[in-house]
């Protein structure tokens, strides 16, 4: 419960309106639509093509941002 409150406080500090996308961005977690796009790319394309797609790039950026921390990441937006 405390973590949920911390996330909402950080989102409120970074955004005027809080929605699903803002929460995923603020926590540094990949959005479910990004995960779905990555899985679809992996299932339908060659490995090298899929791995070089923008979706994998976004996932790498999200992982780096998750290392920064919730409040630090939200402060950048």
C-alpha atoms as a PDB file:
ATOM      1  CA  UNK A   1       0.000   0.000   0.000  1.00  0.00           C
ATOM      2  CA  UNK A   2       2.828   2.387   0.852  1.00  0.00           C
ATOM      3  CA  UNK A   3       4.522   1.754  -2.496  1.00  0.00           C
ATOM      4  CA  UNK A   4       1.279   2.543  -4.335  1.00  0.00           C
ATOM      5  CA  UNK A   5       0.991   5.837  -2.465  1.00  0.00           C
ATOM      6  CA  UNK A   6       4.612   6.691  -3.229  1.00  0.00           C
ATOM      7  CA  UNK A   7       4.036   6.031  -6.947  1.00  0.00           C
ATOM      8  CA  UNK A   8       0.905   8.180  -6.985  1.00  0.00           C
ATOM      9  CA  UNK A   9       2.725  11.011  -5.196  1.00  0.00           C
ATOM     10  CA  UNK A  10       5.584  10.851  -7.704  1.00  0.00           C
ATOM     11  CA  UNK A  11       3.140  10.803 -10.632  1.00  0.00           C
ATOM     12  CA  UNK A  12       1.231  13.735  -9.209  1.00  0.00           C
ATOM     13  CA  UNK A  13       4.455  15.720  -8.913  1.00  0.00           C
ATOM     14  CA  UNK A  14       5.359  14.976 -12.546  1.00  0.00           C
ATOM     15  CA  UNK A  15       2.009  15.151 -14.351  1.00  0.00           C
ATOM     16  CA  UNK A  16      -1.181  17.187 -14.231  1.00  0.00           C
ATOM     17  CA  UNK A  17      -3.364  14.151 -14.949  1.00  0.00           C
ATOM     18  CA  UNK A  18      -2.482  10.614 -13.895  1.00  0.00           C
ATOM     19  CA  UNK A  19      -3.413   7.706 -16.124  1.00  0.00           C
ATOM     20  CA  UNK A  20      -2.145   4.239 -16.904  1.00  0.00           C
ATOM     21  CA  UNK A  21       0.614   5.464 -19.219  1.00  0.00           C
ATOM     22  CA  UNK A  22       1.896   7.998 -16.685  1.00  0.00           C
ATOM     23  CA  UNK A  23       2.088   5.354 -13.953  1.00  0.00           C
ATOM     24  CA  UNK A  24       4.048   2.970 -16.192  1.00  0.00           C
ATOM     25  CA  UNK A  25       6.372   5.794 -17.229  1.00  0.00           C
ATOM     26  CA  UNK A  26       6.862   7.009 -13.683  1.00  0.00           C
ATOM     27  CA  UNK A  27       7.696   3.542 -12.339  1.00  0.00           C
ATOM     28  CA  UNK A  28       9.997   2.735 -15.238  1.00  0.00           C
ATOM     29  CA  UNK A  29       7.931  -0.312 -16.176  1.00  0.00           C
ATOM     30  CA  UNK A  30       7.233  -1.245 -19.785  1.00  0.00           C
ATOM     31  CA  UNK A  31       3.661  -0.625 -20.898  1.00  0.00           C
ATOM     32  CA  UNK A  32       1.710  -3.820 -21.671  1.00  0.00           C
ATOM     33  CA  UNK A  33       1.235  -2.636 -25.270  1.00  0.00           C
ATOM     34  CA  UNK A  34       5.038  -2.481 -25.661  1.00  0.00           C
ATOM     35  CA  UNK A  35       5.411  -6.020 -24.306  1.00  0.00           C
ATOM     36  CA  UNK A  36       2.697  -7.249 -26.684  1.00  0.00           C
ATOM     37  CA  UNK A  37       4.427  -5.561 -29.638  1.00  0.00           C
ATOM     38  CA  UNK A  38       7.755  -7.156 -28.681  1.00  0.00           C
ATOM     39  CA  UNK A  39       6.239 -10.631 -28.394  1.00  0.00           C
ATOM     40  CA  UNK A  40       4.422 -10.230 -31.732  1.00  0.00           C
ATOM     41  CA  UNK A  41       7.661  -9.052 -33.332  1.00  0.00           C
ATOM     42  CA  UNK A  42       9.547 -12.030 -31.923  1.00  0.00           C
ATOM     43  CA  UNK A  43       6.932 -14.466 -33.208  1.00  0.00           C
ATOM     44  CA  UNK A  44       6.547 -13.013 -36.694  1.00  0.00           C
ATOM     45  CA  UNK A  45       9.975 -11.679 -37.710  1.00  0.00           C
ATOM     46  CA  UNK A  46      13.527 -12.939 -38.025  1.00  0.00           C
ATOM     47  CA  UNK A  47      15.549 -12.720 -34.810  1.00  0.00           C
ATOM     48  CA  UNK A  48      17.909  -9.972 -35.976  1.00  0.00           C
ATOM     49  CA  UNK A  49      15.073  -7.884 -37.422  1.00  0.00           C
ATOM     50  CA  UNK A  50      13.001  -8.290 -34.295  1.00  0.00           C
ATOM     51  CA  UNK A  51      15.887  -7.554 -31.948  1.00  0.00           C
ATOM     52  CA  UNK A  52      16.770  -4.366 -33.815  1.00  0.00           C
ATOM     53  CA  UNK A  53      13.198  -3.061 -33.806  1.00  0.00           C
ATOM     54  CA  UNK A  54      12.160   0.095 -31.980  1.00  0.00           C
ATOM     55  CA  UNK A  55      10.240  -1.957 -29.424  1.00  0.00           C
ATOM     56  CA  UNK A  56      13.405  -3.592 -28.112  1.00  0.00           C
ATOM     57  CA  UNK A  57      15.048  -0.175 -28.013  1.00  0.00           C
ATOM     58  CA  UNK A  58      12.147   1.152 -25.920  1.00  0.00           C
ATOM     59  CA  UNK A  59      12.439  -1.808 -23.560  1.00  0.00           C
ATOM     60  CA  UNK A  60      16.162  -1.119 -23.065  1.00  0.00           C
ATOM     61  CA  UNK A  61      15.427   2.557 -22.323  1.00  0.00           C
ATOM     62  CA  UNK A  62      12.752   1.560 -19.796  1.00  0.00           C
ATOM     63  CA  UNK A  63      15.224  -0.786 -18.063  1.00  0.00           C
ATOM     64  CA  UNK A  64      17.803   2.002 -17.795  1.00  0.00           C
ATOM     65  CA  UNK A  65      15.198   4.411 -16.442  1.00  0.00           C
ATOM     66  CA  UNK A  66      14.058   1.844 -13.875  1.00  0.00           C
ATOM     67  CA  UNK A  67      17.595   1.828 -12.461  1.00  0.00           C
ATOM     68  CA  UNK A  68      17.389   5.593 -11.913  1.00  0.00           C
ATOM     69  CA  UNK A  69      14.444   5.314  -9.529  1.00  0.00           C
ATOM     70  CA  UNK A  70      10.853   6.487  -9.452  1.00  0.00           C
ATOM     71  CA  UNK A  71      11.307  10.040  -8.209  1.00  0.00           C
ATOM     72  CA  UNK A  72      14.429  10.712 -10.281  1.00  0.00           C
ATOM     73  CA  UNK A  73      12.783   9.444 -13.458  1.00  0.00           C
ATOM     74  CA  UNK A  74       9.608  11.451 -12.946  1.00  0.00           C
ATOM     75  CA  UNK A  75      11.593  14.591 -12.276  1.00  0.00           C
ATOM     76  CA  UNK A  76      13.150  14.262 -15.755  1.00  0.00           C
ATOM     77  CA  UNK A  77       9.766  14.361 -17.540  1.00  0.00           C
END
